[in-house]
C-alpha atoms as a PDB file:
ATOM      1  CA  UNK A   1     -45.381 -42.182   5.656  1.00  0.00           C
ATOM      2  CA  UNK A   2     -45.229 -45.618   7.289  1.00  0.00           C
ATOM      3  CA  UNK A   3     -44.322 -48.989   5.794  1.00  0.00           C
ATOM      4  CA  UNK A   4     -47.436 -50.915   6.825  1.00  0.00           C
ATOM      5  CA  UNK A   5     -50.770 -50.322   8.560  1.00  0.00           C
ATOM      6  CA  UNK A   6     -52.836 -53.050  10.225  1.00  0.00           C
ATOM      7  CA  UNK A   7     -56.615 -52.696  10.398  1.00  0.00           C
ATOM      8  CA  UNK A   8     -59.254 -54.912  11.982  1.00  0.00           C
ATOM      9  CA  UNK A   9     -62.890 -54.700  12.968  1.00  0.00           C
ATOM     10  CA  UNK A  10     -62.168 -54.942  16.697  1.00  0.00           C
ATOM     11  CA  UNK A  11     -59.422 -54.298  19.218  1.00  0.00           C
ATOM     12  CA  UNK A  12     -59.517 -57.975  20.127  1.00  0.00           C
ATOM     13  CA  UNK A  13     -58.279 -58.964  16.674  1.00  0.00           C
ATOM     14  CA  UNK A  14     -55.208 -56.736  17.038  1.00  0.00           C
ATOM     15  CA  UNK A  15     -54.133 -57.752  20.548  1.00  0.00           C
ATOM     16  CA  UNK A  16     -50.530 -58.906  20.653  1.00  0.00           C
ATOM     17  CA  UNK A  17     -49.984 -58.266  16.943  1.00  0.00           C
ATOM     18  CA  UNK A  18     -46.535 -56.776  16.159  1.00  0.00           C
ATOM     19  CA  UNK A  19     -46.256 -53.730  18.420  1.00  0.00           C
ATOM     20  CA  UNK A  20     -43.923 -51.798  16.094  1.00  0.00           C
ATOM     21  CA  UNK A  21     -46.666 -51.231  13.497  1.00  0.00           C
ATOM     22  CA  UNK A  22     -49.617 -48.842  13.787  1.00  0.00           C
ATOM     23  CA  UNK A  23     -53.032 -50.453  14.172  1.00  0.00           C
ATOM     24  CA  UNK A  24     -56.497 -49.047  13.611  1.00  0.00           C
ATOM     25  CA  UNK A  25     -59.857 -50.465  14.676  1.00  0.00           C
ATOM     26  CA  UNK A  26     -62.293 -49.849  11.796  1.00  0.00           C
ATOM     27  CA  UNK A  27     -65.494 -51.296  13.256  1.00  0.00           C
ATOM     28  CA  UNK A  28     -67.906 -53.901  11.937  1.00  0.00           C
ATOM     29  CA  UNK A  29     -69.679 -53.667   8.585  1.00  0.00           C
ATOM     30  CA  UNK A  30     -68.938 -52.188   5.190  1.00  0.00           C
ATOM     31  CA  UNK A  31     -69.913 -48.555   5.778  1.00  0.00           C
ATOM     32  CA  UNK A  32     -67.923 -47.624   8.847  1.00  0.00           C
ATOM     33  CA  UNK A  33     -64.955 -49.816   7.918  1.00  0.00           C
ATOM     34  CA  UNK A  34     -64.697 -48.010   4.567  1.00  0.00           C
ATOM     35  CA  UNK A  35     -64.852 -44.563   6.161  1.00  0.00           C
ATOM     36  CA  UNK A  36     -62.434 -45.400   8.957  1.00  0.00           C
ATOM     37  CA  UNK A  37     -59.970 -47.042   6.586  1.00  0.00           C
ATOM     38  CA  UNK A  38     -60.021 -43.981   4.325  1.00  0.00           C
ATOM     39  CA  UNK A  39     -59.357 -41.794   7.356  1.00  0.00           C
ATOM     40  CA  UNK A  40     -56.532 -44.066   8.558  1.00  0.00           C
ATOM     41  CA  UNK A  41     -54.856 -43.982   5.146  1.00  0.00           C
ATOM     42  CA  UNK A  42     -55.124 -40.198   5.132  1.00  0.00           C
ATOM     43  CA  UNK A  43     -53.483 -39.955   8.560  1.00  0.00           C
ATOM     44  CA  UNK A  44     -50.772 -42.626   8.302  1.00  0.00           C
ATOM     45  CA  UNK A  45     -50.102 -42.623   4.534  1.00  0.00           C
ATOM     46  CA  UNK A  46     -49.052 -46.313   4.576  1.00  0.00           C
ATOM     47  CA  UNK A  47     -47.106 -47.993   1.802  1.00  0.00           C
ATOM     48  CA  UNK A  48     -49.335 -51.041   2.301  1.00  0.00           C
ATOM     49  CA  UNK A  49     -52.349 -52.026   4.358  1.00  0.00           C
ATOM     50  CA  UNK A  50     -53.218 -55.401   5.855  1.00  0.00           C
ATOM     51  CA  UNK A  51     -56.704 -56.326   7.021  1.00  0.00           C
ATOM     52  CA  UNK A  52     -56.491 -58.804   9.888  1.00  0.00           C
ATOM     53  CA  UNK A  53     -58.949 -60.732  11.993  1.00  0.00           C
ATOM     54  CA  UNK A  54     -61.295 -63.683  11.916  1.00  0.00           C
ATOM     55  CA  UNK A  55     -63.584 -65.047   9.204  1.00  0.00           C
ATOM     56  CA  UNK A  56     -66.249 -67.602   8.413  1.00  0.00           C
ATOM     57  CA  UNK A  57     -65.510 -70.567   6.182  1.00  0.00           C
ATOM     58  CA  UNK A  58     -67.497 -71.159   3.015  1.00  0.00           C
ATOM     59  CA  UNK A  59     -65.819 -74.341   1.794  1.00  0.00           C
ATOM     60  CA  UNK A  60     -66.123 -77.521   3.814  1.00  0.00           C
ATOM     61  CA  UNK A  61     -62.396 -78.252   3.994  1.00  0.00           C
ATOM     62  CA  UNK A  62     -61.564 -75.298   6.246  1.00  0.00           C
ATOM     63  CA  UNK A  63     -61.337 -75.834   9.988  1.00  0.00           C
ATOM     64  CA  UNK A  64     -61.502 -73.448  12.928  1.00  0.00           C
ATOM     65  CA  UNK A  65     -58.019 -71.998  13.398  1.00  0.00           C
ATOM     66  CA  UNK A  66     -56.944 -72.289   9.751  1.00  0.00           C
ATOM     67  CA  UNK A  67     -55.091 -69.331   8.274  1.00  0.00           C
ATOM     68  CA  UNK A  68     -56.526 -67.873   5.054  1.00  0.00           C
ATOM     69  CA  UNK A  69     -55.364 -65.166   2.643  1.00  0.00           C
ATOM     70  CA  UNK A  70     -57.544 -63.547  -0.002  1.00  0.00           C
ATOM     71  CA  UNK A  71     -56.414 -63.386  -3.617  1.00  0.00           C
ATOM     72  CA  UNK A  72     -59.404 -61.149  -4.349  1.00  0.00           C
ATOM     73  CA  UNK A  73     -62.514 -59.878  -2.588  1.00  0.00           C
ATOM     74  CA  UNK A  74     -66.084 -59.157  -3.685  1.00  0.00           C
ATOM     75  CA  UNK A  75     -69.420 -58.091  -2.209  1.00  0.00           C
ATOM     76  CA  UNK A  76     -71.520 -61.235  -2.241  1.00  0.00           C
ATOM     77  CA  UNK A  77     -74.644 -59.449  -0.984  1.00  0.00           C
ATOM     78  CA  UNK A  78     -74.827 -57.251  -4.102  1.00  0.00           C
ATOM     79  CA  UNK A  79     -77.265 -58.555  -6.721  1.00  0.00           C
ATOM     80  CA  UNK A  80     -78.242 -56.268  -9.603  1.00  0.00           C
ATOM     81  CA  UNK A  81     -78.669 -59.079 -12.098  1.00  0.00           C
ATOM     82  CA  UNK A  82     -82.210 -57.821 -12.764  1.00  0.00           C
ATOM     83  CA  UNK A  83     -80.539 -54.792 -14.370  1.00  0.00           C
ATOM     84  CA  UNK A  84     -78.255 -56.862 -16.578  1.00  0.00           C
ATOM     85  CA  UNK A  85     -75.216 -56.727 -14.328  1.00  0.00           C
ATOM     86  CA  UNK A  86     -73.225 -59.663 -13.036  1.00  0.00           C
ATOM     87  CA  UNK A  87     -73.696 -60.669  -9.427  1.00  0.00           C
ATOM     88  CA  UNK A  88     -71.476 -58.511  -7.151  1.00  0.00           C
ATOM     89  CA  UNK A  89     -71.183 -55.696  -9.725  1.00  0.00           C
ATOM     90  CA  UNK A  90     -72.343 -52.118  -9.077  1.00  0.00           C
ATOM     91  CA  UNK A  91     -72.148 -48.920 -11.148  1.00  0.00           C
ATOM     92  CA  UNK A  92     -69.491 -46.552  -9.865  1.00  0.00           C
ATOM     93  CA  UNK A  93     -71.274 -43.352 -10.842  1.00  0.00           C
ATOM     94  CA  UNK A  94     -68.288 -42.549 -13.048  1.00  0.00           C
ATOM     95  CA  UNK A  95     -69.517 -42.784 -16.644  1.00  0.00           C
ATOM     96  CA  UNK A  96     -70.465 -46.412 -17.405  1.00  0.00           C
ATOM     97  CA  UNK A  97     -67.778 -47.985 -15.228  1.00  0.00           C
ATOM     98  CA  UNK A  98     -68.615 -50.954 -13.033  1.00  0.00           C
ATOM     99  CA  UNK A  99     -67.112 -52.016  -9.722  1.00  0.00           C
ATOM    100  CA  UNK A 100     -66.801 -55.690  -8.936  1.00  0.00           C
ATOM    101  CA  UNK A 101     -64.107 -58.027  -7.658  1.00  0.00           C
ATOM    102  CA  UNK A 102     -60.946 -56.375  -6.312  1.00  0.00           C
ATOM    103  CA  UNK A 103     -57.542 -58.117  -6.622  1.00  0.00           C
ATOM    104  CA  UNK A 104     -55.357 -58.258  -3.505  1.00  0.00           C
ATOM    105  CA  UNK A 105     -51.680 -58.714  -2.763  1.00  0.00           C
ATOM    106  CA  UNK A 106     -50.807 -62.245  -1.646  1.00  0.00           C
ATOM    107  CA  UNK A 107     -47.551 -62.732   0.214  1.00  0.00           C
ATOM    108  CA  UNK A 108     -45.258 -65.123  -1.685  1.00  0.00           C
ATOM    109  CA  UNK A 109     -44.198 -67.166   1.335  1.00  0.00           C
ATOM    110  CA  UNK A 110     -47.300 -68.467   3.023  1.00  0.00           C
ATOM    111  CA  UNK A 111     -48.731 -71.755   4.177  1.00  0.00           C
ATOM    112  CA  UNK A 112     -52.185 -70.194   4.330  1.00  0.00           C
ATOM    113  CA  UNK A 113     -55.082 -71.302   2.178  1.00  0.00           C
ATOM    114  CA  UNK A 114     -55.472 -68.782  -0.635  1.00  0.00           C
ATOM    115  CA  UNK A 115     -58.774 -67.953  -2.303  1.00  0.00           C
ATOM    116  CA  UNK A 116     -61.592 -65.505  -2.820  1.00  0.00           C
ATOM    117  CA  UNK A 117     -63.076 -63.601   0.112  1.00  0.00           C
ATOM    118  CA  UNK A 118     -66.684 -62.468   0.149  1.00  0.00           C
ATOM    119  CA  UNK A 119     -67.800 -59.452   2.168  1.00  0.00           C
ATOM    120  CA  UNK A 120     -71.347 -58.563   3.204  1.00  0.00           C
ATOM    121  CA  UNK A 121     -73.267 -56.680   5.868  1.00  0.00           C
ATOM    122  CA  UNK A 122     -74.418 -59.870   7.500  1.00  0.00           C
ATOM    123  CA  UNK A 123     -73.075 -62.569   9.790  1.00  0.00           C
ATOM    124  CA  UNK A 124     -73.125 -65.656   7.617  1.00  0.00           C
ATOM    125  CA  UNK A 125     -75.183 -68.348   9.314  1.00  0.00           C
ATOM    126  CA  UNK A 126     -75.230 -72.012   8.343  1.00  0.00           C
ATOM    127  CA  UNK A 127     -78.811 -71.690   7.093  1.00  0.00           C
ATOM    128  CA  UNK A 128     -77.815 -68.914   4.663  1.00  0.00           C
ATOM    129  CA  UNK A 129     -74.903 -70.971   3.355  1.00  0.00           C
ATOM    130  CA  UNK A 130     -77.215 -73.917   2.804  1.00  0.00           C
ATOM    131  CA  UNK A 131     -79.869 -71.855   1.008  1.00  0.00           C
ATOM    132  CA  UNK A 132     -77.378 -69.997  -1.211  1.00  0.00           C
ATOM    133  CA  UNK A 133     -75.072 -72.453  -3.002  1.00  0.00           C
ATOM    134  CA  UNK A 134     -74.081 -69.660  -5.418  1.00  0.00           C
ATOM    135  CA  UNK A 135     -71.507 -68.646  -2.791  1.00  0.00           C
ATOM    136  CA  UNK A 136     -69.212 -71.479  -3.877  1.00  0.00           C
ATOM    137  CA  UNK A 137     -70.802 -72.799  -7.067  1.00  0.00           C
ATOM    138  CA  UNK A 138     -70.891 -69.425  -8.862  1.00  0.00           C
ATOM    139  CA  UNK A 139     -68.580 -67.126  -6.898  1.00  0.00           C
ATOM    140  CA  UNK A 140     -66.078 -69.729  -5.706  1.00  0.00           C
ATOM    141  CA  UNK A 141     -65.739 -68.164  -2.257  1.00  0.00           C
ATOM    142  CA  UNK A 142     -63.280 -69.636   0.217  1.00  0.00           C
ATOM    143  CA  UNK A 143     -64.282 -67.540   3.236  1.00  0.00           C
ATOM    144  CA  UNK A 144     -66.293 -64.471   4.191  1.00  0.00           C
ATOM    145  CA  UNK A 145     -66.283 -61.456   6.501  1.00  0.00           C
ATOM    146  CA  UNK A 146     -67.895 -58.046   6.930  1.00  0.00           C
ATOM    147  CA  UNK A 147     -65.044 -55.580   6.243  1.00  0.00           C
ATOM    148  CA  UNK A 148     -62.399 -56.726   3.757  1.00  0.00           C
ATOM    149  CA  UNK A 149     -64.062 -55.359   0.622  1.00  0.00           C
ATOM    150  CA  UNK A 150     -64.337 -51.916   2.197  1.00  0.00           C
ATOM    151  CA  UNK A 151     -60.690 -51.953   3.225  1.00  0.00           C
ATOM    152  CA  UNK A 152     -59.613 -53.079  -0.251  1.00  0.00           C
ATOM    153  CA  UNK A 153     -61.748 -50.397  -1.907  1.00  0.00           C
ATOM    154  CA  UNK A 154     -60.323 -47.639   0.303  1.00  0.00           C
ATOM    155  CA  UNK A 155     -56.834 -48.907  -0.530  1.00  0.00           C
ATOM    156  CA  UNK A 156     -57.642 -48.994  -4.256  1.00  0.00           C
ATOM    157  CA  UNK A 157     -58.840 -45.388  -4.234  1.00  0.00           C
ATOM    158  CA  UNK A 158     -55.555 -44.380  -2.591  1.00  0.00           C
ATOM    159  CA  UNK A 159     -53.283 -46.597  -4.740  1.00  0.00           C
ATOM    160  CA  UNK A 160     -52.124 -48.556  -1.686  1.00  0.00           C
ATOM    161  CA  UNK A 161     -51.443 -52.320  -1.984  1.00  0.00           C
ATOM    162  CA  UNK A 162     -53.810 -54.294   0.233  1.00  0.00           C
ATOM    163  CA  UNK A 163     -53.767 -57.781   1.744  1.00  0.00           C
ATOM    164  CA  UNK A 164     -56.394 -59.704   3.699  1.00  0.00           C
ATOM    165  CA  UNK A 165     -55.132 -62.248   6.232  1.00  0.00           C
ATOM    166  CA  UNK A 166     -57.578 -63.939   8.579  1.00  0.00           C
ATOM    167  CA  UNK A 167     -58.087 -66.972  10.807  1.00  0.00           C
ATOM    168  CA  UNK A 168     -61.219 -69.101  10.484  1.00  0.00           C
ATOM    169  CA  UNK A 169     -63.447 -68.634  13.531  1.00  0.00           C
ATOM    170  CA  UNK A 170     -66.467 -70.633  12.363  1.00  0.00           C
ATOM    171  CA  UNK A 171     -66.597 -73.478   9.874  1.00  0.00           C
ATOM    172  CA  UNK A 172     -69.032 -74.154   7.038  1.00  0.00           C
ATOM    173  CA  UNK A 173     -71.280 -76.133   9.375  1.00  0.00           C
ATOM    174  CA  UNK A 174     -71.628 -73.197  11.743  1.00  0.00           C
ATOM    175  CA  UNK A 175     -69.376 -74.598  14.475  1.00  0.00           C
ATOM    176  CA  UNK A 176     -67.611 -71.964  16.576  1.00  0.00           C
ATOM    177  CA  UNK A 177     -64.842 -72.094  19.183  1.00  0.00           C
ATOM    178  CA  UNK A 178     -66.051 -73.536  22.478  1.00  0.00           C
ATOM    179  CA  UNK A 179     -63.664 -71.276  24.410  1.00  0.00           C
ATOM    180  CA  UNK A 180     -63.458 -68.011  22.516  1.00  0.00           C
ATOM    181  CA  UNK A 181     -60.716 -66.312  24.610  1.00  0.00           C
ATOM    182  CA  UNK A 182     -58.472 -69.321  23.955  1.00  0.00           C
ATOM    183  CA  UNK A 183     -59.272 -69.131  20.246  1.00  0.00           C
ATOM    184  CA  UNK A 184     -58.386 -65.417  20.179  1.00  0.00           C
ATOM    185  CA  UNK A 185     -55.048 -66.085  21.838  1.00  0.00           C
ATOM    186  CA  UNK A 186     -54.148 -68.886  19.425  1.00  0.00           C
ATOM    187  CA  UNK A 187     -55.479 -67.083  16.341  1.00  0.00           C
ATOM    188  CA  UNK A 188     -53.495 -63.935  17.105  1.00  0.00           C
ATOM    189  CA  UNK A 189     -50.348 -66.012  17.558  1.00  0.00           C
ATOM    190  CA  UNK A 190     -50.943 -67.496  14.097  1.00  0.00           C
ATOM    191  CA  UNK A 191     -51.407 -64.026  12.609  1.00  0.00           C
ATOM    192  CA  UNK A 192     -48.307 -62.708  14.375  1.00  0.00           C
ATOM    193  CA  UNK A 193     -46.156 -65.608  13.164  1.00  0.00           C
ATOM    194  CA  UNK A 194     -47.372 -65.035   9.609  1.00  0.00           C
ATOM    195  CA  UNK A 195     -46.610 -61.322   9.745  1.00  0.00           C
ATOM    196  CA  UNK A 196     -43.190 -61.831  11.313  1.00  0.00           C
ATOM    197  CA  UNK A 197     -42.305 -64.220   8.504  1.00  0.00           C
ATOM    198  CA  UNK A 198     -43.566 -62.001   5.697  1.00  0.00           C
ATOM    199  CA  UNK A 199     -42.682 -58.499   6.878  1.00  0.00           C
ATOM    200  CA  UNK A 200     -39.020 -59.117   7.694  1.00  0.00           C
END
């Protein structure tokens, strides 16, 4: 059993991050990130799991390079409202239970922006944001990605506390870093500093 496991969608997002902790690349998208996280938990048996990486901003007051932490995560691409369910809810297959928003552990000492993360199997473009105001008006999303819900769900099924800590890589207007390697270097330093402060 280990104290903490870091997971991210790509090797790039884990470069230079605290070398004394195990790290697992879980791939992009909800399906493979769920499966690979489940496998990683089975192998490492962590006491906690932290999903790291980059994310897209939903709210207009987030800038590229800002650090964000999720208080909860949901699947914003799930819509079964035609069947009488709330947006983001799905049946679990276990009796009449429903699966929706998942609460996450938020580190007490953080200067990060804290809010709700939305996960979907899509790269969120500016046009989609513009055409779907429910993202912030109804769901109150702060930022989005393609893996965090899967990681949180795998952690939930294994009774492992989970946190999501990311750096904004594209803002609500669709702007992205002009020099991506430089962004990666700076973003990973921000993540490392956060982890050093909170895992001591």
